[in-house]
């Protein structure tokens, strides 16, 4: 009787090599070194270096997108085209980021197999560039010489906009953190004596706290915020519920309104706004524009 897919998938690791054959001459060497077994070993070894959330995401990707296809395959028999087939299937649902991560996971698992003597050549090593990529539409950025005017206009916008969102935007510019990290900031995270903001690892996609040095300009903004919200746990609480952070939409609306006003002031053509993104020198440019 021919070996069925179910029989092959049900093969279990043995103390010694076991040959499984069928009537047509197909012979499989069951050493327990299937891709699924190696994937689990690799994941168990790595999970101690990851956060619980990241560990669950990695295994979830493997369980959903890889193991149903490659899990029962002997690691020695996996070919590059089989790996490509796995990621192409993910691409078909337009999950390009997932496809990239899955390819990276497979590459790492096979590297682990090589390092532990179960494989001699990594079948995913030469697949760099095989995946589709999205076209990036870069947002506009300001030339360095316009940054002083930009920041001055932002300060003056408080006369027309709501003060707390305006201060939040200023601090966002001066610290270069994500908006979610800023909106969730708590007063207990700030050591104003040492001019340091310690964002806990629990609020970051990291295993350790993220330390943000506070410039004199950032300290000045925080000093304006203190009389408004220091009696609450959150630095930038919601207007409706002081136990919740300011919403992302609040900051976006305020920023878009301010940006529109700023552009209206530059209709004469004096602005040289150019396509691109803030590069490595942006932080230095802002600091230099503000002094200190």
C-alpha atoms as a PDB file:
ATOM      1  CA  UNK A   1       0.000   0.000   0.000  1.00  0.00           C
ATOM      2  CA  UNK A   2       1.280   3.453  -0.882  1.00  0.00           C
ATOM      3  CA  UNK A   3       2.270   5.770   1.953  1.00  0.00           C
ATOM      4  CA  UNK A   4      -0.408   8.356   2.579  1.00  0.00           C
ATOM      5  CA  UNK A   5       0.128  11.980   3.556  1.00  0.00           C
ATOM      6  CA  UNK A   6      -1.487  11.230   6.918  1.00  0.00           C
ATOM      7  CA  UNK A   7       0.914   8.365   7.599  1.00  0.00           C
ATOM      8  CA  UNK A   8       3.880  10.535   6.775  1.00  0.00           C
ATOM      9  CA  UNK A   9       2.658  13.367   8.997  1.00  0.00           C
ATOM     10  CA  UNK A  10       2.150  10.930  11.897  1.00  0.00           C
ATOM     11  CA  UNK A  11       5.757   9.719  11.864  1.00  0.00           C
ATOM     12  CA  UNK A  12       7.339  10.319  15.293  1.00  0.00           C
ATOM     13  CA  UNK A  13      10.978  10.789  16.350  1.00  0.00           C
ATOM     14  CA  UNK A  14      12.749   7.496  17.109  1.00  0.00           C
ATOM     15  CA  UNK A  15      15.828   6.556  19.122  1.00  0.00           C
ATOM     16  CA  UNK A  16      17.445   5.310  15.910  1.00  0.00           C
ATOM     17  CA  UNK A  17      16.961   5.863  12.185  1.00  0.00           C
ATOM     18  CA  UNK A  18      13.879   4.092  10.836  1.00  0.00           C
ATOM     19  CA  UNK A  19      13.202   3.528   7.144  1.00  0.00           C
ATOM     20  CA  UNK A  20       9.547   3.687   6.106  1.00  0.00           C
ATOM     21  CA  UNK A  21       8.697   2.158   2.732  1.00  0.00           C
ATOM     22  CA  UNK A  22       5.676   1.457   0.565  1.00  0.00           C
ATOM     23  CA  UNK A  23       4.883  -1.094  -2.131  1.00  0.00           C
ATOM     24  CA  UNK A  24       6.051   1.238  -4.898  1.00  0.00           C
ATOM     25  CA  UNK A  25       9.547   1.523  -3.524  1.00  0.00           C
ATOM     26  CA  UNK A  26       9.224   4.930  -1.838  1.00  0.00           C
ATOM     27  CA  UNK A  27      11.569   4.986   1.153  1.00  0.00           C
ATOM     28  CA  UNK A  28      11.642   7.708   3.813  1.00  0.00           C
ATOM     29  CA  UNK A  29      14.279   7.973   6.513  1.00  0.00           C
ATOM     30  CA  UNK A  30      12.476   9.021   9.683  1.00  0.00           C
ATOM     31  CA  UNK A  31      15.108  10.599  11.912  1.00  0.00           C
ATOM     32  CA  UNK A  32      12.735  12.961  13.653  1.00  0.00           C
ATOM     33  CA  UNK A  33      14.439  15.850  11.890  1.00  0.00           C
ATOM     34  CA  UNK A  34      11.378  17.267  10.180  1.00  0.00           C
ATOM     35  CA  UNK A  35      11.041  20.967   9.591  1.00  0.00           C
ATOM     36  CA  UNK A  36       8.313  21.089  12.251  1.00  0.00           C
ATOM     37  CA  UNK A  37      10.541  19.485  14.880  1.00  0.00           C
ATOM     38  CA  UNK A  38      13.413  21.845  14.062  1.00  0.00           C
ATOM     39  CA  UNK A  39      11.070  24.844  14.028  1.00  0.00           C
ATOM     40  CA  UNK A  40       9.871  24.015  17.521  1.00  0.00           C
ATOM     41  CA  UNK A  41      13.413  23.493  18.794  1.00  0.00           C
ATOM     42  CA  UNK A  42      14.539  26.819  17.324  1.00  0.00           C
ATOM     43  CA  UNK A  43      11.525  28.658  18.721  1.00  0.00           C
ATOM     44  CA  UNK A  44      11.999  27.181  22.205  1.00  0.00           C
ATOM     45  CA  UNK A  45      15.643  28.233  22.142  1.00  0.00           C
ATOM     46  CA  UNK A  46      14.886  31.785  20.991  1.00  0.00           C
ATOM     47  CA  UNK A  47      11.768  32.560  23.001  1.00  0.00           C
ATOM     48  CA  UNK A  48      13.787  33.391  26.106  1.00  0.00           C
ATOM     49  CA  UNK A  49      15.299  36.349  24.239  1.00  0.00           C
ATOM     50  CA  UNK A  50      11.902  37.685  23.080  1.00  0.00           C
ATOM     51  CA  UNK A  51       8.928  39.286  24.750  1.00  0.00           C
ATOM     52  CA  UNK A  52       5.913  37.033  25.286  1.00  0.00           C
ATOM     53  CA  UNK A  53       3.945  38.916  22.615  1.00  0.00           C
ATOM     54  CA  UNK A  54       6.695  38.623  20.019  1.00  0.00           C
ATOM     55  CA  UNK A  55       7.212  34.948  20.815  1.00  0.00           C
ATOM     56  CA  UNK A  56       3.497  34.273  20.299  1.00  0.00           C
ATOM     57  CA  UNK A  57       3.482  36.190  17.007  1.00  0.00           C
ATOM     58  CA  UNK A  58       6.432  34.209  15.633  1.00  0.00           C
ATOM     59  CA  UNK A  59       4.912  30.844  16.492  1.00  0.00           C
ATOM     60  CA  UNK A  60       1.530  31.993  15.222  1.00  0.00           C
ATOM     61  CA  UNK A  61       3.053  32.805  11.811  1.00  0.00           C
ATOM     62  CA  UNK A  62       4.751  29.436  11.624  1.00  0.00           C
ATOM     63  CA  UNK A  63       1.648  27.568  12.713  1.00  0.00           C
ATOM     64  CA  UNK A  64      -0.613  29.369  10.241  1.00  0.00           C
ATOM     65  CA  UNK A  65       1.566  29.815   7.171  1.00  0.00           C
ATOM     66  CA  UNK A  66       4.478  27.368   7.272  1.00  0.00           C
ATOM     67  CA  UNK A  67       3.886  24.184   9.248  1.00  0.00           C
ATOM     68  CA  UNK A  68       0.786  23.053   7.308  1.00  0.00           C
ATOM     69  CA  UNK A  69       3.025  22.849   4.214  1.00  0.00           C
ATOM     70  CA  UNK A  70       6.545  22.158   5.471  1.00  0.00           C
ATOM     71  CA  UNK A  71       5.970  20.842   8.993  1.00  0.00           C
ATOM     72  CA  UNK A  72       6.183  17.134   8.134  1.00  0.00           C
ATOM     73  CA  UNK A  73       8.932  17.515   5.534  1.00  0.00           C
ATOM     74  CA  UNK A  74      12.354  16.049   6.417  1.00  0.00           C
ATOM     75  CA  UNK A  75      14.635  19.045   6.799  1.00  0.00           C
ATOM     76  CA  UNK A  76      17.171  17.436   4.438  1.00  0.00           C
ATOM     77  CA  UNK A  77      14.650  17.303   1.608  1.00  0.00           C
ATOM     78  CA  UNK A  78      13.383  20.889   1.622  1.00  0.00           C
ATOM     79  CA  UNK A  79      14.233  22.706  -1.605  1.00  0.00           C
ATOM     80  CA  UNK A  80      14.322  26.463  -2.322  1.00  0.00           C
ATOM     81  CA  UNK A  81      11.281  26.163  -4.588  1.00  0.00           C
ATOM     82  CA  UNK A  82       9.239  24.739  -1.713  1.00  0.00           C
ATOM     83  CA  UNK A  83      10.149  27.733   0.427  1.00  0.00           C
ATOM     84  CA  UNK A  84       9.251  30.081  -2.430  1.00  0.00           C
ATOM     85  CA  UNK A  85       5.867  28.365  -2.774  1.00  0.00           C
ATOM     86  CA  UNK A  86       5.126  29.048   0.895  1.00  0.00           C
ATOM     87  CA  UNK A  87       5.847  32.776   0.696  1.00  0.00           C
ATOM     88  CA  UNK A  88       4.140  33.160  -2.694  1.00  0.00           C
ATOM     89  CA  UNK A  89       0.943  31.827  -1.142  1.00  0.00           C
ATOM     90  CA  UNK A  90       1.169  34.537   1.532  1.00  0.00           C
ATOM     91  CA  UNK A  91       1.841  37.179  -1.133  1.00  0.00           C
ATOM     92  CA  UNK A  92      -1.370  36.189  -2.894  1.00  0.00           C
ATOM     93  CA  UNK A  93      -3.387  37.607   0.003  1.00  0.00           C
ATOM     94  CA  UNK A  94      -1.340  40.835  -0.209  1.00  0.00           C
ATOM     95  CA  UNK A  95       0.307  40.208   3.171  1.00  0.00           C
ATOM     96  CA  UNK A  96       3.738  41.286   1.977  1.00  0.00           C
ATOM     97  CA  UNK A  97       5.075  42.133   5.434  1.00  0.00           C
ATOM     98  CA  UNK A  98       4.034  38.710   6.730  1.00  0.00           C
ATOM     99  CA  UNK A  99       5.662  37.019   3.728  1.00  0.00           C
ATOM    100  CA  UNK A 100       8.929  38.827   4.479  1.00  0.00           C
ATOM    101  CA  UNK A 101       8.858  37.794   8.140  1.00  0.00           C
ATOM    102  CA  UNK A 102       7.977  34.191   7.287  1.00  0.00           C
ATOM    103  CA  UNK A 103      10.891  33.952   4.862  1.00  0.00           C
ATOM    104  CA  UNK A 104      13.161  35.306   7.565  1.00  0.00           C
ATOM    105  CA  UNK A 105      11.802  32.753  10.050  1.00  0.00           C
ATOM    106  CA  UNK A 106      12.379  29.865   7.630  1.00  0.00           C
ATOM    107  CA  UNK A 107      15.906  31.078   6.924  1.00  0.00           C
ATOM    108  CA  UNK A 108      16.671  31.224  10.647  1.00  0.00           C
ATOM    109  CA  UNK A 109      15.221  27.782  11.334  1.00  0.00           C
ATOM    110  CA  UNK A 110      17.310  26.255   8.539  1.00  0.00           C
ATOM    111  CA  UNK A 111      20.385  28.099   9.817  1.00  0.00           C
ATOM    112  CA  UNK A 112      19.727  26.534  13.221  1.00  0.00           C
ATOM    113  CA  UNK A 113      19.507  23.124  11.523  1.00  0.00           C
ATOM    114  CA  UNK A 114      22.899  23.725   9.900  1.00  0.00           C
ATOM    115  CA  UNK A 115      24.417  24.854  13.198  1.00  0.00           C
ATOM    116  CA  UNK A 116      23.129  21.754  15.015  1.00  0.00           C
ATOM    117  CA  UNK A 117      24.328  19.316  12.352  1.00  0.00           C
ATOM    118  CA  UNK A 118      20.948  18.344  10.905  1.00  0.00           C
ATOM    119  CA  UNK A 119      21.450  20.176   7.609  1.00  0.00           C
ATOM    120  CA  UNK A 120      24.465  20.954   5.462  1.00  0.00           C
ATOM    121  CA  UNK A 121      23.072  23.765   3.303  1.00  0.00           C
ATOM    122  CA  UNK A 122      20.398  26.345   4.028  1.00  0.00           C
ATOM    123  CA  UNK A 123      17.745  26.209   1.247  1.00  0.00           C
ATOM    124  CA  UNK A 124      16.545  29.746   2.028  1.00  0.00           C
ATOM    125  CA  UNK A 125      19.927  31.486   1.938  1.00  0.00           C
ATOM    126  CA  UNK A 126      19.816  32.567  -1.703  1.00  0.00           C
ATOM    127  CA  UNK A 127      16.224  33.847  -1.716  1.00  0.00           C
ATOM    128  CA  UNK A 128      16.987  37.479  -0.923  1.00  0.00           C
ATOM    129  CA  UNK A 129      15.033  39.711  -3.305  1.00  0.00           C
ATOM    130  CA  UNK A 130      12.501  37.038  -4.236  1.00  0.00           C
ATOM    131  CA  UNK A 131       9.603  38.813  -2.533  1.00  0.00           C
ATOM    132  CA  UNK A 132       7.417  41.557  -3.923  1.00  0.00           C
ATOM    133  CA  UNK A 133       7.825  44.981  -2.353  1.00  0.00           C
ATOM    134  CA  UNK A 134       5.471  47.910  -1.980  1.00  0.00           C
ATOM    135  CA  UNK A 135       6.173  51.267  -3.584  1.00  0.00           C
ATOM    136  CA  UNK A 136       7.035  53.746  -0.853  1.00  0.00           C
ATOM    137  CA  UNK A 137       5.412  57.165  -1.057  1.00  0.00           C
ATOM    138  CA  UNK A 138       7.666  59.381   1.001  1.00  0.00           C
ATOM    139  CA  UNK A 139       6.087  62.251   2.859  1.00  0.00           C
ATOM    140  CA  UNK A 140       7.219  65.819   2.473  1.00  0.00           C
ATOM    141  CA  UNK A 141       9.907  67.269   4.686  1.00  0.00           C
ATOM    142  CA  UNK A 142      11.207  70.746   5.341  1.00  0.00           C
ATOM    143  CA  UNK A 143      14.679  71.913   4.333  1.00  0.00           C
ATOM    144  CA  UNK A 144      16.946  72.538   7.298  1.00  0.00           C
ATOM    145  CA  UNK A 145      16.879  76.304   6.836  1.00  0.00           C
ATOM    146  CA  UNK A 146      13.096  76.386   7.301  1.00  0.00           C
ATOM    147  CA  UNK A 147      13.081  74.484  10.602  1.00  0.00           C
ATOM    148  CA  UNK A 148      13.478  77.575  12.842  1.00  0.00           C
ATOM    149  CA  UNK A 149      10.440  79.216  11.229  1.00  0.00           C
ATOM    150  CA  UNK A 150       8.545  75.943  11.415  1.00  0.00           C
ATOM    151  CA  UNK A 151       9.095  75.618  15.155  1.00  0.00           C
ATOM    152  CA  UNK A 152       8.360  79.271  15.826  1.00  0.00           C
ATOM    153  CA  UNK A 153       5.068  78.959  13.961  1.00  0.00           C
ATOM    154  CA  UNK A 154       4.240  75.879  16.028  1.00  0.00           C
ATOM    155  CA  UNK A 155       4.800  77.814  19.254  1.00  0.00           C
ATOM    156  CA  UNK A 156       2.570  80.663  18.103  1.00  0.00           C
ATOM    157  CA  UNK A 157      -0.175  78.263  17.065  1.00  0.00           C
ATOM    158  CA  UNK A 158      -1.096  77.890  20.751  1.00  0.00           C
ATOM    159  CA  UNK A 159      -2.778  81.283  20.490  1.00  0.00           C
ATOM    160  CA  UNK A 160      -5.361  79.805  18.094  1.00  0.00           C
ATOM    161  CA  UNK A 161      -5.403  76.077  18.854  1.00  0.00           C
ATOM    162  CA  UNK A 162      -6.034  74.087  22.016  1.00  0.00           C
ATOM    163  CA  UNK A 163      -3.043  74.395  24.313  1.00  0.00           C
ATOM    164  CA  UNK A 164      -2.576  70.789  25.465  1.00  0.00           C
ATOM    165  CA  UNK A 165      -2.608  69.155  21.990  1.00  0.00           C
ATOM    166  CA  UNK A 166      -0.315  71.920  20.770  1.00  0.00           C
ATOM    167  CA  UNK A 167       2.150  71.200  23.599  1.00  0.00           C
ATOM    168  CA  UNK A 168       1.925  67.482  22.825  1.00  0.00           C
ATOM    169  CA  UNK A 169       2.883  68.163  19.199  1.00  0.00           C
ATOM    170  CA  UNK A 170       5.808  70.330  20.322  1.00  0.00           C
ATOM    171  CA  UNK A 171       7.107  67.612  22.623  1.00  0.00           C
ATOM    172  CA  UNK A 172       6.661  65.024  19.867  1.00  0.00           C
ATOM    173  CA  UNK A 173       8.893  67.096  17.575  1.00  0.00           C
ATOM    174  CA  UNK A 174      11.504  67.593  20.288  1.00  0.00           C
ATOM    175  CA  UNK A 175      11.745  63.965  21.422  1.00  0.00           C
ATOM    176  CA  UNK A 176      11.160  61.981  18.188  1.00  0.00           C
ATOM    177  CA  UNK A 177       9.089  59.301  19.936  1.00  0.00           C
ATOM    178  CA  UNK A 178       6.024  57.618  18.434  1.00  0.00           C
ATOM    179  CA  UNK A 179       2.744  59.421  18.964  1.00  0.00           C
ATOM    180  CA  UNK A 180       1.367  56.457  20.933  1.00  0.00           C
ATOM    181  CA  UNK A 181       4.351  56.567  23.289  1.00  0.00           C
ATOM    182  CA  UNK A 182       3.812  60.276  23.865  1.00  0.00           C
ATOM    183  CA  UNK A 183       0.059  60.011  24.374  1.00  0.00           C
ATOM    184  CA  UNK A 184       0.571  57.229  26.928  1.00  0.00           C
ATOM    185  CA  UNK A 185       3.275  59.112  28.852  1.00  0.00           C
ATOM    186  CA  UNK A 186       2.837  59.112  32.633  1.00  0.00           C
ATOM    187  CA  UNK A 187       4.312  61.624  35.046  1.00  0.00           C
ATOM    188  CA  UNK A 188       6.017  58.829  36.998  1.00  0.00           C
ATOM    189  CA  UNK A 189       8.170  58.097  33.931  1.00  0.00           C
ATOM    190  CA  UNK A 190       9.886  61.507  34.047  1.00  0.00           C
ATOM    191  CA  UNK A 191      13.013  62.273  36.074  1.00  0.00           C
ATOM    192  CA  UNK A 192      13.071  66.014  35.611  1.00  0.00           C
ATOM    193  CA  UNK A 193      16.105  66.411  37.856  1.00  0.00           C
ATOM    194  CA  UNK A 194      18.200  64.316  35.464  1.00  0.00           C
ATOM    195  CA  UNK A 195      16.253  65.549  32.399  1.00  0.00           C
ATOM    196  CA  UNK A 196      15.357  61.998  31.456  1.00  0.00           C
ATOM    197  CA  UNK A 197      12.172  60.284  30.278  1.00  0.00           C
ATOM    198  CA  UNK A 198      12.183  56.524  30.894  1.00  0.00           C
ATOM    199  CA  UNK A 199       9.529  54.788  28.758  1.00  0.00           C
ATOM    200  CA  UNK A 200       8.869  51.328  30.288  1.00  0.00           C
ATOM    201  CA  UNK A 201       9.550  48.251  28.176  1.00  0.00           C
ATOM    202  CA  UNK A 202       5.895  47.290  28.677  1.00  0.00           C
ATOM    203  CA  UNK A 203       4.905  50.261  26.493  1.00  0.00           C
ATOM    204  CA  UNK A 204       7.613  49.639  23.925  1.00  0.00           C
ATOM    205  CA  UNK A 205       8.259  46.898  21.388  1.00  0.00           C
ATOM    206  CA  UNK A 206      11.428  46.172  23.324  1.00  0.00           C
ATOM    207  CA  UNK A 207      12.669  44.087  26.236  1.00  0.00           C
ATOM    208  CA  UNK A 208      14.173  47.036  28.083  1.00  0.00           C
ATOM    209  CA  UNK A 209      13.171  50.573  28.969  1.00  0.00           C
ATOM    210  CA  UNK A 210      13.649  53.264  26.334  1.00  0.00           C
ATOM    211  CA  UNK A 211      15.560  56.295  27.631  1.00  0.00           C
ATOM    212  CA  UNK A 212      14.782  59.695  26.105  1.00  0.00           C
ATOM    213  CA  UNK A 213      17.119  62.585  27.067  1.00  0.00           C
ATOM    214  CA  UNK A 214      15.197  65.834  27.490  1.00  0.00           C
ATOM    215  CA  UNK A 215      16.619  68.977  25.923  1.00  0.00           C
ATOM    216  CA  UNK A 216      16.142  72.382  27.544  1.00  0.00           C
ATOM    217  CA  UNK A 217      13.406  73.063  24.998  1.00  0.00           C
ATOM    218  CA  UNK A 218      11.609  69.811  25.892  1.00  0.00           C
ATOM    219  CA  UNK A 219      11.898  70.709  29.594  1.00  0.00           C
ATOM    220  CA  UNK A 220      10.318  74.088  28.849  1.00  0.00           C
ATOM    221  CA  UNK A 221       7.355  72.394  27.178  1.00  0.00           C
ATOM    222  CA  UNK A 222       6.943  69.983  30.103  1.00  0.00           C
ATOM    223  CA  UNK A 223       6.999  72.951  32.486  1.00  0.00           C
ATOM    224  CA  UNK A 224       3.995  74.372  30.625  1.00  0.00           C
ATOM    225  CA  UNK A 225       2.160  71.056  30.817  1.00  0.00           C
ATOM    226  CA  UNK A 226       2.731  70.493  34.559  1.00  0.00           C
ATOM    227  CA  UNK A 227       0.201  73.056  35.874  1.00  0.00           C
ATOM    228  CA  UNK A 228      -2.439  71.606  33.556  1.00  0.00           C
ATOM    229  CA  UNK A 229      -2.160  67.842  34.099  1.00  0.00           C
ATOM    230  CA  UNK A 230       0.273  67.071  36.950  1.00  0.00           C
ATOM    231  CA  UNK A 231      -2.664  66.135  39.215  1.00  0.00           C
ATOM    232  CA  UNK A 232      -3.442  63.263  36.810  1.00  0.00           C
ATOM    233  CA  UNK A 233      -1.390  60.118  36.148  1.00  0.00           C
ATOM    234  CA  UNK A 234      -1.172  60.822  32.405  1.00  0.00           C
ATOM    235  CA  UNK A 235       0.802  63.729  31.000  1.00  0.00           C
ATOM    236  CA  UNK A 236      -1.621  64.133  28.078  1.00  0.00           C
ATOM    237  CA  UNK A 237      -4.997  62.780  29.238  1.00  0.00           C
ATOM    238  CA  UNK A 238      -8.194  62.779  27.227  1.00  0.00           C
ATOM    239  CA  UNK A 239     -10.499  65.764  27.702  1.00  0.00           C
ATOM    240  CA  UNK A 240     -13.446  63.394  28.181  1.00  0.00           C
ATOM    241  CA  UNK A 241     -11.833  60.876  30.515  1.00  0.00           C
ATOM    242  CA  UNK A 242      -8.735  61.910  32.412  1.00  0.00           C
ATOM    243  CA  UNK A 243      -7.889  58.255  33.065  1.00  0.00           C
ATOM    244  CA  UNK A 244      -7.467  57.629  29.331  1.00  0.00           C
ATOM    245  CA  UNK A 245      -4.752  59.075  27.041  1.00  0.00           C
ATOM    246  CA  UNK A 246      -5.442  61.797  24.528  1.00  0.00           C
ATOM    247  CA  UNK A 247      -6.747  60.187  21.350  1.00  0.00           C
ATOM    248  CA  UNK A 248      -4.628  59.882  18.242  1.00  0.00           C
ATOM    249  CA  UNK A 249      -7.397  61.672  16.315  1.00  0.00           C
ATOM    250  CA  UNK A 250      -7.139  64.688  18.612  1.00  0.00           C
ATOM    251  CA  UNK A 251      -3.454  65.084  17.837  1.00  0.00           C
ATOM    252  CA  UNK A 252      -3.995  64.442  14.138  1.00  0.00           C
ATOM    253  CA  UNK A 253      -6.771  67.015  13.842  1.00  0.00           C
ATOM    254  CA  UNK A 254      -4.772  69.630  15.699  1.00  0.00           C
ATOM    255  CA  UNK A 255      -1.659  68.915  13.633  1.00  0.00           C
ATOM    256  CA  UNK A 256      -3.546  69.034  10.334  1.00  0.00           C
ATOM    257  CA  UNK A 257      -5.205  72.327  11.313  1.00  0.00           C
ATOM    258  CA  UNK A 258      -1.893  73.825  12.306  1.00  0.00           C
ATOM    259  CA  UNK A 259      -0.176  72.505   9.160  1.00  0.00           C
ATOM    260  CA  UNK A 260      -2.876  74.002   6.983  1.00  0.00           C
ATOM    261  CA  UNK A 261      -2.447  77.387   8.668  1.00  0.00           C
ATOM    262  CA  UNK A 262       1.306  77.152   8.282  1.00  0.00           C
ATOM    263  CA  UNK A 263       1.036  76.430   4.564  1.00  0.00           C
ATOM    264  CA  UNK A 264      -1.407  79.308   4.132  1.00  0.00           C
ATOM    265  CA  UNK A 265       1.287  81.610   5.467  1.00  0.00           C
ATOM    266  CA  UNK A 266       3.702  80.341   2.818  1.00  0.00           C
ATOM    267  CA  UNK A 267       1.439  80.728  -0.216  1.00  0.00           C
ATOM    268  CA  UNK A 268       3.707  83.469  -1.493  1.00  0.00           C
ATOM    269  CA  UNK A 269       6.123  80.752  -2.612  1.00  0.00           C
ATOM    270  CA  UNK A 270       8.819  81.401  -0.036  1.00  0.00           C
ATOM    271  CA  UNK A 271       8.692  77.793   1.174  1.00  0.00           C
ATOM    272  CA  UNK A 272      10.960  75.179  -0.357  1.00  0.00           C
ATOM    273  CA  UNK A 273       9.099  72.118   0.943  1.00  0.00           C
ATOM    274  CA  UNK A 274      10.532  69.113  -0.899  1.00  0.00           C
ATOM    275  CA  UNK A 275       9.573  65.431  -1.159  1.00  0.00           C
ATOM    276  CA  UNK A 276      11.476  63.092   1.113  1.00  0.00           C
ATOM    277  CA  UNK A 277      11.764  62.091   4.716  1.00  0.00           C
ATOM    278  CA  UNK A 278      13.578  63.502   7.708  1.00  0.00           C
ATOM    279  CA  UNK A 279      17.009  61.938   7.479  1.00  0.00           C
ATOM    280  CA  UNK A 280      19.651  61.153  10.026  1.00  0.00           C
ATOM    281  CA  UNK A 281      20.414  64.836  10.514  1.00  0.00           C
ATOM    282  CA  UNK A 282      16.870  65.844  11.372  1.00  0.00           C
ATOM    283  CA  UNK A 283      17.222  65.531  15.132  1.00  0.00           C
ATOM    284  CA  UNK A 284      20.368  67.629  15.044  1.00  0.00           C
ATOM    285  CA  UNK A 285      18.655  70.135  12.758  1.00  0.00           C
ATOM    286  CA  UNK A 286      15.767  70.641  15.155  1.00  0.00           C
ATOM    287  CA  UNK A 287      18.044  70.915  18.158  1.00  0.00           C
ATOM    288  CA  UNK A 288      20.289  73.315  16.350  1.00  0.00           C
ATOM    289  CA  UNK A 289      17.342  75.406  15.253  1.00  0.00           C
ATOM    290  CA  UNK A 290      16.104  75.705  18.826  1.00  0.00           C
ATOM    291  CA  UNK A 291      19.464  76.035  20.545  1.00  0.00           C
ATOM    292  CA  UNK A 292      20.757  74.019  23.515  1.00  0.00           C
END
